């Protein structure tokens, strides 16, 4: 299953399923049981856009820009947080998973979130992404929605928030 929401326009709310053709009738019945109001005009708009040939070029541009933004976030993290954190290197998506290291693991990402908000930067604390509340030493940062300049400022603020949180823990 895929959606056009992240790559074309969130308001279109159109997706698709790539499945075995033998499942077609079952999938149609399931879709109709969930909602009966598929946005037909939006589907036609997307179909026309793809038929004109602009979709592949659009995706290539997005991939280039998101890679640039991811690399900018990686560089800002290295500059401002260094070995205080470990990050993932995703092949796709919009987020980096950041795990606190060393003495910083004693800082709760939930508490860090509160302090970071006061500093003007936001992220998703690890426990919000775990049904059992795990990952208190981790958080998710979005690189897709910010320019490299804005990311740089955000990482400076996040480093300041981590310093404040560490001071609370260290007493």
N, C-alpha and C. Protein backbone atom coordinates (compact mmCIF):
# COMPACT_ATOMS: atom_id res chain seq x y z
N UNK A 1 0.85 -1.17 0.00
CA UNK A 1 0.00 0.00 0.00
C UNK A 1 0.89 1.23 0.00
N UNK A 2 0.50 2.22 -0.72
CA UNK A 2 1.25 3.47 -0.82
C UNK A 2 0.26 4.63 -0.86
N UNK A 3 0.79 5.82 -0.67
CA UNK A 3 -0.05 7.01 -0.72
C UNK A 3 0.66 8.11 -1.50
N UNK A 4 -0.12 8.97 -2.07
CA UNK A 4 0.42 10.16 -2.74
C UNK A 4 0.52 11.34 -1.77
N UNK A 5 0.03 11.16 -0.55
CA UNK A 5 -0.03 12.26 0.42
C UNK A 5 1.33 12.87 0.72
N UNK A 6 2.36 12.06 0.82
CA UNK A 6 3.68 12.57 1.17
C UNK A 6 4.48 13.07 -0.03
N UNK A 7 4.09 12.65 -1.23
CA UNK A 7 4.91 13.00 -2.39
C UNK A 7 4.25 13.96 -3.37
N UNK A 8 2.95 14.15 -3.26
CA UNK A 8 2.28 15.12 -4.13
C UNK A 8 1.60 16.20 -3.31
N UNK A 9 0.55 15.82 -2.58
CA UNK A 9 -0.18 16.81 -1.78
C UNK A 9 -1.01 16.09 -0.73
N UNK A 10 -0.81 16.42 0.55
CA UNK A 10 -1.54 15.74 1.62
C UNK A 10 -3.05 15.81 1.47
N UNK A 11 -3.56 16.91 0.94
CA UNK A 11 -5.00 17.08 0.82
C UNK A 11 -5.66 16.16 -0.18
N UNK A 12 -4.89 15.56 -1.08
CA UNK A 12 -5.48 14.68 -2.07
C UNK A 12 -5.99 13.38 -1.44
N UNK A 13 -5.32 12.89 -0.44
CA UNK A 13 -5.72 11.69 0.30
C UNK A 13 -6.05 10.52 -0.64
N UNK A 14 -5.13 10.24 -1.52
CA UNK A 14 -5.31 9.15 -2.47
C UNK A 14 -4.12 8.20 -2.34
N UNK A 15 -4.43 6.92 -2.33
CA UNK A 15 -3.38 5.92 -2.25
C UNK A 15 -3.66 4.80 -3.23
N UNK A 16 -2.82 3.77 -3.17
CA UNK A 16 -3.02 2.63 -4.04
C UNK A 16 -2.44 1.39 -3.39
N UNK A 17 -2.86 0.26 -3.91
CA UNK A 17 -2.39 -1.04 -3.44
C UNK A 17 -1.83 -1.79 -4.64
N UNK A 18 -0.66 -2.34 -4.49
CA UNK A 18 -0.06 -3.22 -5.49
C UNK A 18 -0.20 -4.63 -4.95
N UNK A 19 -1.15 -5.39 -5.53
CA UNK A 19 -1.46 -6.71 -4.99
C UNK A 19 -1.72 -7.70 -6.13
N UNK A 20 -1.73 -8.92 -5.75
CA UNK A 20 -2.07 -9.99 -6.69
C UNK A 20 -3.46 -9.70 -7.27
N UNK A 21 -3.62 -9.73 -8.59
CA UNK A 21 -4.91 -9.44 -9.21
C UNK A 21 -6.06 -10.32 -8.70
N UNK A 22 -5.73 -11.51 -8.22
CA UNK A 22 -6.78 -12.40 -7.70
C UNK A 22 -7.43 -11.83 -6.44
N UNK A 23 -6.76 -10.87 -5.79
CA UNK A 23 -7.31 -10.26 -4.57
C UNK A 23 -8.16 -9.02 -4.86
N UNK A 24 -8.26 -8.64 -6.13
CA UNK A 24 -8.92 -7.38 -6.50
C UNK A 24 -10.33 -7.25 -5.90
N UNK A 25 -11.19 -8.23 -6.13
CA UNK A 25 -12.56 -8.12 -5.63
C UNK A 25 -12.61 -8.06 -4.11
N UNK A 26 -11.78 -8.83 -3.45
CA UNK A 26 -11.72 -8.81 -1.99
C UNK A 26 -11.27 -7.43 -1.49
N UNK A 27 -10.26 -6.87 -2.14
CA UNK A 27 -9.78 -5.54 -1.74
C UNK A 27 -10.83 -4.46 -2.00
N UNK A 28 -11.52 -4.54 -3.11
CA UNK A 28 -12.59 -3.58 -3.39
C UNK A 28 -13.68 -3.68 -2.32
N UNK A 29 -14.07 -4.88 -1.96
CA UNK A 29 -15.09 -5.06 -0.93
C UNK A 29 -14.61 -4.50 0.41
N UNK A 30 -13.37 -4.75 0.74
CA UNK A 30 -12.81 -4.22 1.99
C UNK A 30 -12.79 -2.70 1.99
N UNK A 31 -12.39 -2.11 0.89
CA UNK A 31 -12.36 -0.64 0.78
C UNK A 31 -13.77 -0.08 0.92
N UNK A 32 -14.72 -0.68 0.24
CA UNK A 32 -16.10 -0.19 0.31
C UNK A 32 -16.69 -0.36 1.71
N UNK A 33 -16.24 -1.36 2.44
CA UNK A 33 -16.72 -1.54 3.81
C UNK A 33 -16.16 -0.47 4.74
N UNK A 34 -14.96 0.04 4.42
CA UNK A 34 -14.33 1.07 5.26
C UNK A 34 -14.87 2.46 4.96
N UNK A 35 -15.03 2.78 3.70
CA UNK A 35 -15.60 4.09 3.34
C UNK A 35 -16.18 3.99 1.94
N UNK A 36 -17.19 4.75 1.70
CA UNK A 36 -17.83 4.72 0.39
C UNK A 36 -17.61 6.02 -0.37
N UNK A 37 -16.69 6.83 0.08
CA UNK A 37 -16.53 8.16 -0.49
C UNK A 37 -15.12 8.41 -1.02
N UNK A 38 -14.65 7.55 -1.89
CA UNK A 38 -13.34 7.78 -2.49
C UNK A 38 -13.38 9.10 -3.28
N UNK A 39 -12.30 9.84 -3.22
CA UNK A 39 -12.22 11.14 -3.87
C UNK A 39 -11.91 10.94 -5.36
N UNK A 40 -12.95 10.76 -6.14
CA UNK A 40 -12.79 10.47 -7.57
C UNK A 40 -12.11 11.63 -8.31
N UNK A 41 -12.49 12.90 -8.10
CA UNK A 41 -11.78 13.98 -8.82
C UNK A 41 -10.27 13.99 -8.51
N UNK A 42 -9.91 13.76 -7.26
CA UNK A 42 -8.48 13.73 -6.92
C UNK A 42 -7.78 12.58 -7.62
N UNK A 43 -8.44 11.44 -7.73
CA UNK A 43 -7.86 10.31 -8.44
C UNK A 43 -7.63 10.66 -9.91
N UNK A 44 -8.56 11.36 -10.52
CA UNK A 44 -8.41 11.77 -11.92
C UNK A 44 -7.27 12.78 -12.08
N UNK A 45 -7.13 13.69 -11.13
CA UNK A 45 -6.04 14.68 -11.17
C UNK A 45 -4.69 13.97 -11.12
N UNK A 46 -4.56 13.03 -10.21
CA UNK A 46 -3.30 12.29 -10.07
C UNK A 46 -3.03 11.47 -11.33
N UNK A 47 -4.05 10.81 -11.84
CA UNK A 47 -3.89 10.01 -13.05
C UNK A 47 -3.41 10.88 -14.21
N UNK A 48 -4.00 12.05 -14.39
CA UNK A 48 -3.60 12.95 -15.48
C UNK A 48 -2.16 13.42 -15.29
N UNK A 49 -1.77 13.73 -14.06
CA UNK A 49 -0.41 14.17 -13.77
C UNK A 49 0.60 13.07 -14.12
N UNK A 50 0.31 11.86 -13.69
CA UNK A 50 1.21 10.74 -13.99
C UNK A 50 1.25 10.49 -15.49
N UNK A 51 0.09 10.54 -16.16
CA UNK A 51 0.04 10.30 -17.61
C UNK A 51 0.86 11.32 -18.39
N UNK A 52 0.94 12.55 -17.91
CA UNK A 52 1.74 13.59 -18.59
C UNK A 52 3.23 13.36 -18.41
N UNK A 53 3.62 12.49 -17.48
CA UNK A 53 5.02 12.15 -17.32
C UNK A 53 5.79 12.97 -16.29
N UNK A 54 5.15 13.76 -15.49
CA UNK A 54 5.86 14.59 -14.53
C UNK A 54 6.18 13.92 -13.21
N UNK A 55 5.56 12.79 -12.95
CA UNK A 55 5.70 12.17 -11.62
C UNK A 55 7.11 11.68 -11.35
N UNK A 56 7.73 11.01 -12.30
CA UNK A 56 9.09 10.50 -12.09
C UNK A 56 10.09 11.61 -11.83
N UNK A 57 9.99 12.68 -12.59
CA UNK A 57 10.88 13.83 -12.38
C UNK A 57 10.62 14.48 -11.02
N UNK A 58 9.36 14.57 -10.64
CA UNK A 58 9.00 15.13 -9.34
C UNK A 58 9.62 14.29 -8.21
N UNK A 59 9.49 12.96 -8.30
CA UNK A 59 10.07 12.08 -7.27
C UNK A 59 11.59 12.22 -7.21
N UNK A 60 12.22 12.32 -8.35
CA UNK A 60 13.69 12.48 -8.38
C UNK A 60 14.09 13.77 -7.66
N UNK A 61 13.34 14.84 -7.90
CA UNK A 61 13.62 16.10 -7.21
C UNK A 61 13.43 16.00 -5.72
N UNK A 62 12.37 15.31 -5.30
CA UNK A 62 12.14 15.12 -3.86
C UNK A 62 13.28 14.32 -3.23
N UNK A 63 13.67 13.25 -3.89
CA UNK A 63 14.75 12.41 -3.35
C UNK A 63 16.04 13.22 -3.18
N UNK A 64 16.34 14.05 -4.15
CA UNK A 64 17.54 14.88 -4.07
C UNK A 64 17.44 15.86 -2.90
N UNK A 65 16.30 16.51 -2.79
CA UNK A 65 16.13 17.50 -1.72
C UNK A 65 16.11 16.85 -0.34
N UNK A 66 15.42 15.74 -0.19
CA UNK A 66 15.39 15.07 1.12
C UNK A 66 16.76 14.53 1.51
N UNK A 67 17.52 14.05 0.52
CA UNK A 67 18.88 13.60 0.83
C UNK A 67 19.73 14.78 1.31
N UNK A 68 19.59 15.92 0.65
CA UNK A 68 20.32 17.12 1.06
C UNK A 68 19.94 17.51 2.49
N UNK A 69 18.68 17.45 2.80
CA UNK A 69 18.21 17.82 4.14
C UNK A 69 18.66 16.81 5.19
N UNK A 70 18.65 15.52 4.83
CA UNK A 70 19.14 14.50 5.77
C UNK A 70 20.62 14.70 6.05
N UNK A 71 21.39 14.94 5.01
CA UNK A 71 22.83 15.14 5.19
C UNK A 71 23.11 16.41 6.00
N UNK A 72 22.30 17.44 5.80
CA UNK A 72 22.46 18.67 6.59
C UNK A 72 22.16 18.40 8.06
N UNK A 73 21.14 17.59 8.34
CA UNK A 73 20.83 17.27 9.73
C UNK A 73 21.94 16.44 10.34
N UNK A 74 22.45 15.45 9.60
CA UNK A 74 23.57 14.65 10.09
C UNK A 74 24.76 15.55 10.46
N UNK A 75 25.07 16.49 9.60
CA UNK A 75 26.21 17.39 9.85
C UNK A 75 25.94 18.27 11.06
N UNK A 76 24.72 18.78 11.21
CA UNK A 76 24.39 19.62 12.37
C UNK A 76 24.44 18.82 13.66
N UNK A 77 23.97 17.59 13.60
CA UNK A 77 24.04 16.72 14.79
C UNK A 77 25.50 16.50 15.17
N UNK A 78 26.34 16.22 14.19
CA UNK A 78 27.76 16.01 14.48
C UNK A 78 28.38 17.26 15.11
N UNK A 79 28.04 18.43 14.59
CA UNK A 79 28.59 19.68 15.12
C UNK A 79 28.12 19.98 16.54
N UNK A 80 26.84 19.78 16.80
CA UNK A 80 26.27 20.26 18.06
C UNK A 80 26.07 19.19 19.13
N UNK A 81 25.99 17.93 18.71
CA UNK A 81 25.79 16.86 19.70
C UNK A 81 26.92 15.84 19.69
N UNK A 82 27.65 15.77 18.60
CA UNK A 82 28.83 14.90 18.54
C UNK A 82 28.57 13.49 19.01
N UNK A 83 29.43 13.00 19.91
CA UNK A 83 29.30 11.63 20.39
C UNK A 83 28.31 11.49 21.54
N UNK A 84 27.55 12.56 21.79
CA UNK A 84 26.50 12.47 22.81
C UNK A 84 25.31 11.66 22.32
N UNK A 85 25.23 11.43 21.00
CA UNK A 85 24.13 10.68 20.41
C UNK A 85 24.63 9.74 19.33
N UNK A 86 23.79 8.77 19.01
CA UNK A 86 23.99 7.89 17.86
C UNK A 86 22.73 8.02 17.01
N UNK A 87 22.88 8.08 15.69
CA UNK A 87 21.72 8.23 14.83
C UNK A 87 21.65 7.11 13.80
N UNK A 88 20.46 6.91 13.28
CA UNK A 88 20.28 5.96 12.18
C UNK A 88 20.67 6.64 10.88
N UNK A 89 20.82 5.85 9.84
CA UNK A 89 21.07 6.37 8.50
C UNK A 89 20.05 5.71 7.57
N UNK A 90 18.82 6.23 7.56
CA UNK A 90 17.76 5.57 6.80
C UNK A 90 17.95 5.67 5.29
N UNK A 91 17.51 4.64 4.59
CA UNK A 91 17.53 4.64 3.13
C UNK A 91 16.38 5.47 2.56
N UNK A 92 15.36 5.68 3.35
CA UNK A 92 14.18 6.44 2.92
C UNK A 92 13.49 7.03 4.12
N UNK A 93 12.36 7.64 3.86
CA UNK A 93 11.59 8.23 4.94
C UNK A 93 11.99 9.67 5.20
N UNK A 94 11.52 10.19 6.33
CA UNK A 94 11.68 11.60 6.66
C UNK A 94 12.33 11.83 8.02
N UNK A 95 12.78 10.78 8.68
CA UNK A 95 13.19 10.90 10.08
C UNK A 95 14.54 10.24 10.36
N UNK A 96 15.21 10.79 11.35
CA UNK A 96 16.38 10.15 11.95
C UNK A 96 15.97 9.70 13.34
N UNK A 97 16.39 8.52 13.72
CA UNK A 97 16.20 8.02 15.07
C UNK A 97 17.48 8.35 15.83
N UNK A 98 17.34 9.06 16.93
CA UNK A 98 18.49 9.54 17.70
C UNK A 98 18.46 8.86 19.07
N UNK A 99 19.58 8.26 19.46
CA UNK A 99 19.68 7.59 20.76
C UNK A 99 20.78 8.27 21.56
N UNK A 100 20.42 8.67 22.77
CA UNK A 100 21.39 9.32 23.65
C UNK A 100 22.46 8.32 24.05
N UNK A 101 23.67 8.82 24.26
CA UNK A 101 24.83 7.99 24.59
C UNK A 101 25.49 8.49 25.87
N UNK A 102 26.39 7.68 26.41
CA UNK A 102 27.18 8.08 27.57
C UNK A 102 26.31 8.49 28.74
N UNK A 103 26.74 9.52 29.46
CA UNK A 103 25.99 10.00 30.63
C UNK A 103 24.64 10.60 30.25
N UNK A 104 24.47 10.98 29.00
CA UNK A 104 23.20 11.56 28.57
C UNK A 104 22.06 10.55 28.55
N UNK A 105 22.36 9.24 28.62
CA UNK A 105 21.28 8.26 28.63
C UNK A 105 20.41 8.40 29.87
N UNK A 106 20.91 9.08 30.88
CA UNK A 106 20.11 9.31 32.09
C UNK A 106 19.04 10.37 31.88
N UNK A 107 19.12 11.10 30.78
CA UNK A 107 18.12 12.12 30.46
C UNK A 107 16.92 11.44 29.80
N UNK A 108 15.75 11.73 30.31
CA UNK A 108 14.51 11.22 29.73
C UNK A 108 14.18 12.02 28.48
N UNK A 109 13.93 11.32 27.37
CA UNK A 109 13.57 12.05 26.15
C UNK A 109 12.23 12.77 26.31
N UNK A 110 11.39 12.28 27.20
CA UNK A 110 10.12 12.98 27.47
C UNK A 110 10.39 14.31 28.17
N UNK A 111 11.30 14.31 29.13
CA UNK A 111 11.66 15.57 29.80
C UNK A 111 12.44 16.47 28.84
N UNK A 112 13.32 15.89 28.06
CA UNK A 112 14.07 16.67 27.07
C UNK A 112 13.11 17.34 26.10
N UNK A 113 12.05 16.66 25.73
CA UNK A 113 11.04 17.23 24.84
C UNK A 113 10.45 18.51 25.43
N UNK A 114 10.10 18.48 26.70
CA UNK A 114 9.53 19.66 27.37
C UNK A 114 10.50 20.84 27.33
N UNK A 115 11.75 20.56 27.64
CA UNK A 115 12.77 21.61 27.66
C UNK A 115 13.02 22.11 26.24
N UNK A 116 13.10 21.19 25.29
CA UNK A 116 13.33 21.56 23.90
C UNK A 116 12.21 22.44 23.37
N UNK A 117 10.97 22.12 23.71
CA UNK A 117 9.85 22.97 23.29
C UNK A 117 10.03 24.40 23.80
N UNK A 118 10.44 24.53 25.05
CA UNK A 118 10.68 25.86 25.62
C UNK A 118 11.80 26.57 24.88
N UNK A 119 12.72 25.81 24.29
CA UNK A 119 13.83 26.37 23.51
C UNK A 119 13.42 26.62 22.05
N UNK A 120 12.20 26.18 21.68
CA UNK A 120 11.70 26.42 20.33
C UNK A 120 11.99 25.33 19.32
N UNK A 121 12.19 24.11 19.79
CA UNK A 121 12.44 22.99 18.87
C UNK A 121 11.61 21.79 19.34
N UNK A 122 11.14 21.02 18.38
CA UNK A 122 10.29 19.88 18.71
C UNK A 122 10.81 18.60 18.06
N UNK A 123 10.46 17.48 18.67
CA UNK A 123 10.76 16.15 18.15
C UNK A 123 9.74 15.21 18.77
N UNK A 124 9.79 13.95 18.41
CA UNK A 124 8.90 12.95 18.99
C UNK A 124 9.71 12.10 19.97
N UNK A 125 9.38 12.15 21.27
CA UNK A 125 10.08 11.32 22.25
C UNK A 125 9.88 9.83 21.95
N UNK A 126 10.90 9.04 22.22
CA UNK A 126 10.84 7.61 21.96
C UNK A 126 9.62 6.90 22.51
N UNK A 127 9.23 7.14 23.79
CA UNK A 127 8.09 6.42 24.33
C UNK A 127 6.78 6.64 23.55
N UNK A 128 6.65 7.77 22.86
CA UNK A 128 5.44 8.02 22.07
C UNK A 128 5.36 7.08 20.87
N UNK A 129 6.46 6.45 20.53
CA UNK A 129 6.51 5.55 19.37
C UNK A 129 6.60 4.09 19.79
N UNK A 130 6.32 3.82 21.05
CA UNK A 130 6.40 2.46 21.57
C UNK A 130 5.13 2.14 22.36
N UNK A 131 4.44 1.06 22.03
CA UNK A 131 3.23 0.71 22.78
C UNK A 131 3.50 0.46 24.26
N UNK A 132 4.71 0.04 24.58
CA UNK A 132 5.04 -0.26 25.98
C UNK A 132 5.83 0.86 26.65
N UNK A 133 5.98 2.01 25.98
CA UNK A 133 6.68 3.14 26.59
C UNK A 133 8.19 3.00 26.63
N UNK A 134 8.75 2.17 25.78
CA UNK A 134 10.21 2.00 25.73
C UNK A 134 10.86 3.20 25.05
N UNK A 135 12.15 3.17 24.94
CA UNK A 135 12.96 4.14 24.21
C UNK A 135 12.99 5.51 24.89
N UNK A 136 13.05 5.51 26.20
CA UNK A 136 13.12 6.77 26.94
C UNK A 136 14.44 7.49 26.65
N UNK A 137 15.42 6.77 26.12
CA UNK A 137 16.72 7.36 25.81
C UNK A 137 16.84 7.75 24.33
N UNK A 138 15.69 7.82 23.63
CA UNK A 138 15.74 8.06 22.19
C UNK A 138 14.61 8.97 21.74
N UNK A 139 14.76 9.50 20.53
CA UNK A 139 13.71 10.35 19.96
C UNK A 139 13.85 10.37 18.45
N UNK A 140 12.79 10.87 17.80
CA UNK A 140 12.75 10.92 16.34
C UNK A 140 12.77 12.37 15.89
N UNK A 141 13.71 12.68 14.99
CA UNK A 141 13.82 14.02 14.41
C UNK A 141 13.42 13.97 12.94
N UNK A 142 12.65 14.95 12.52
CA UNK A 142 12.22 15.05 11.12
C UNK A 142 13.18 15.97 10.37
N UNK A 143 13.76 15.47 9.30
CA UNK A 143 14.64 16.31 8.48
C UNK A 143 13.93 16.84 7.24
N UNK A 144 12.77 16.29 6.90
CA UNK A 144 12.13 16.61 5.62
C UNK A 144 11.49 17.98 5.57
N UNK A 145 11.03 18.48 6.70
CA UNK A 145 10.22 19.70 6.69
C UNK A 145 11.00 20.99 6.96
N UNK A 146 12.29 20.89 7.14
CA UNK A 146 13.08 22.09 7.47
C UNK A 146 14.24 22.27 6.51
N UNK A 147 14.54 23.52 6.24
CA UNK A 147 15.72 23.84 5.43
C UNK A 147 16.98 23.54 6.24
N UNK A 148 18.11 23.36 5.58
CA UNK A 148 19.36 23.14 6.33
C UNK A 148 19.66 24.28 7.32
N UNK A 149 19.34 25.51 6.96
CA UNK A 149 19.59 26.64 7.86
C UNK A 149 18.72 26.54 9.12
N UNK A 150 17.49 26.18 8.90
CA UNK A 150 16.57 26.04 10.05
C UNK A 150 16.98 24.82 10.90
N UNK A 151 17.42 23.76 10.26
CA UNK A 151 17.90 22.59 10.99
C UNK A 151 19.09 22.94 11.85
N UNK A 152 20.01 23.72 11.31
CA UNK A 152 21.19 24.14 12.07
C UNK A 152 20.77 24.87 13.35
N UNK A 153 19.86 25.80 13.22
CA UNK A 153 19.37 26.52 14.40
C UNK A 153 18.67 25.57 15.37
N UNK A 154 17.87 24.66 14.84
CA UNK A 154 17.17 23.71 15.68
C UNK A 154 18.11 22.82 16.46
N UNK A 155 19.20 22.37 15.84
CA UNK A 155 20.17 21.52 16.54
C UNK A 155 20.93 22.30 17.60
N UNK A 156 21.20 23.57 17.36
CA UNK A 156 21.81 24.40 18.40
C UNK A 156 20.88 24.48 19.61
N UNK A 157 19.60 24.68 19.35
CA UNK A 157 18.61 24.76 20.44
C UNK A 157 18.48 23.42 21.16
N UNK A 158 18.49 22.33 20.39
CA UNK A 158 18.38 21.01 20.99
C UNK A 158 19.58 20.71 21.87
N UNK A 159 20.77 21.09 21.44
CA UNK A 159 21.98 20.89 22.26
C UNK A 159 21.87 21.69 23.56
N UNK A 160 21.35 22.90 23.47
CA UNK A 160 21.15 23.72 24.67
C UNK A 160 20.13 23.04 25.60
N UNK A 161 19.07 22.51 25.03
CA UNK A 161 18.06 21.81 25.83
C UNK A 161 18.65 20.58 26.50
N UNK A 162 19.50 19.84 25.79
CA UNK A 162 20.13 18.66 26.38
C UNK A 162 21.06 19.06 27.52
N UNK A 163 21.77 20.16 27.37
CA UNK A 163 22.61 20.67 28.46
C UNK A 163 21.77 20.98 29.70
N UNK A 164 20.65 21.61 29.51
CA UNK A 164 19.75 21.95 30.62
C UNK A 164 19.22 20.69 31.27
N UNK A 165 18.79 19.72 30.45
CA UNK A 165 18.28 18.47 30.99
C UNK A 165 19.34 17.71 31.77
N UNK A 166 20.57 17.72 31.27
CA UNK A 166 21.68 17.08 31.99
C UNK A 166 21.93 17.74 33.33
N UNK A 167 21.85 19.07 33.37
CA UNK A 167 22.03 19.79 34.64
C UNK A 167 20.96 19.38 35.65
N UNK A 168 19.74 19.17 35.19
CA UNK A 168 18.67 18.71 36.08
C UNK A 168 18.99 17.33 36.64
N UNK A 169 19.46 16.43 35.78
CA UNK A 169 19.76 15.07 36.20
C UNK A 169 20.97 15.03 37.13
N UNK A 170 21.99 15.84 36.80
CA UNK A 170 23.22 15.83 37.58
C UNK A 170 23.08 16.58 38.90
N UNK A 171 22.06 17.43 38.95
CA UNK A 171 21.80 18.18 40.20
C UNK A 171 22.72 19.29 40.35
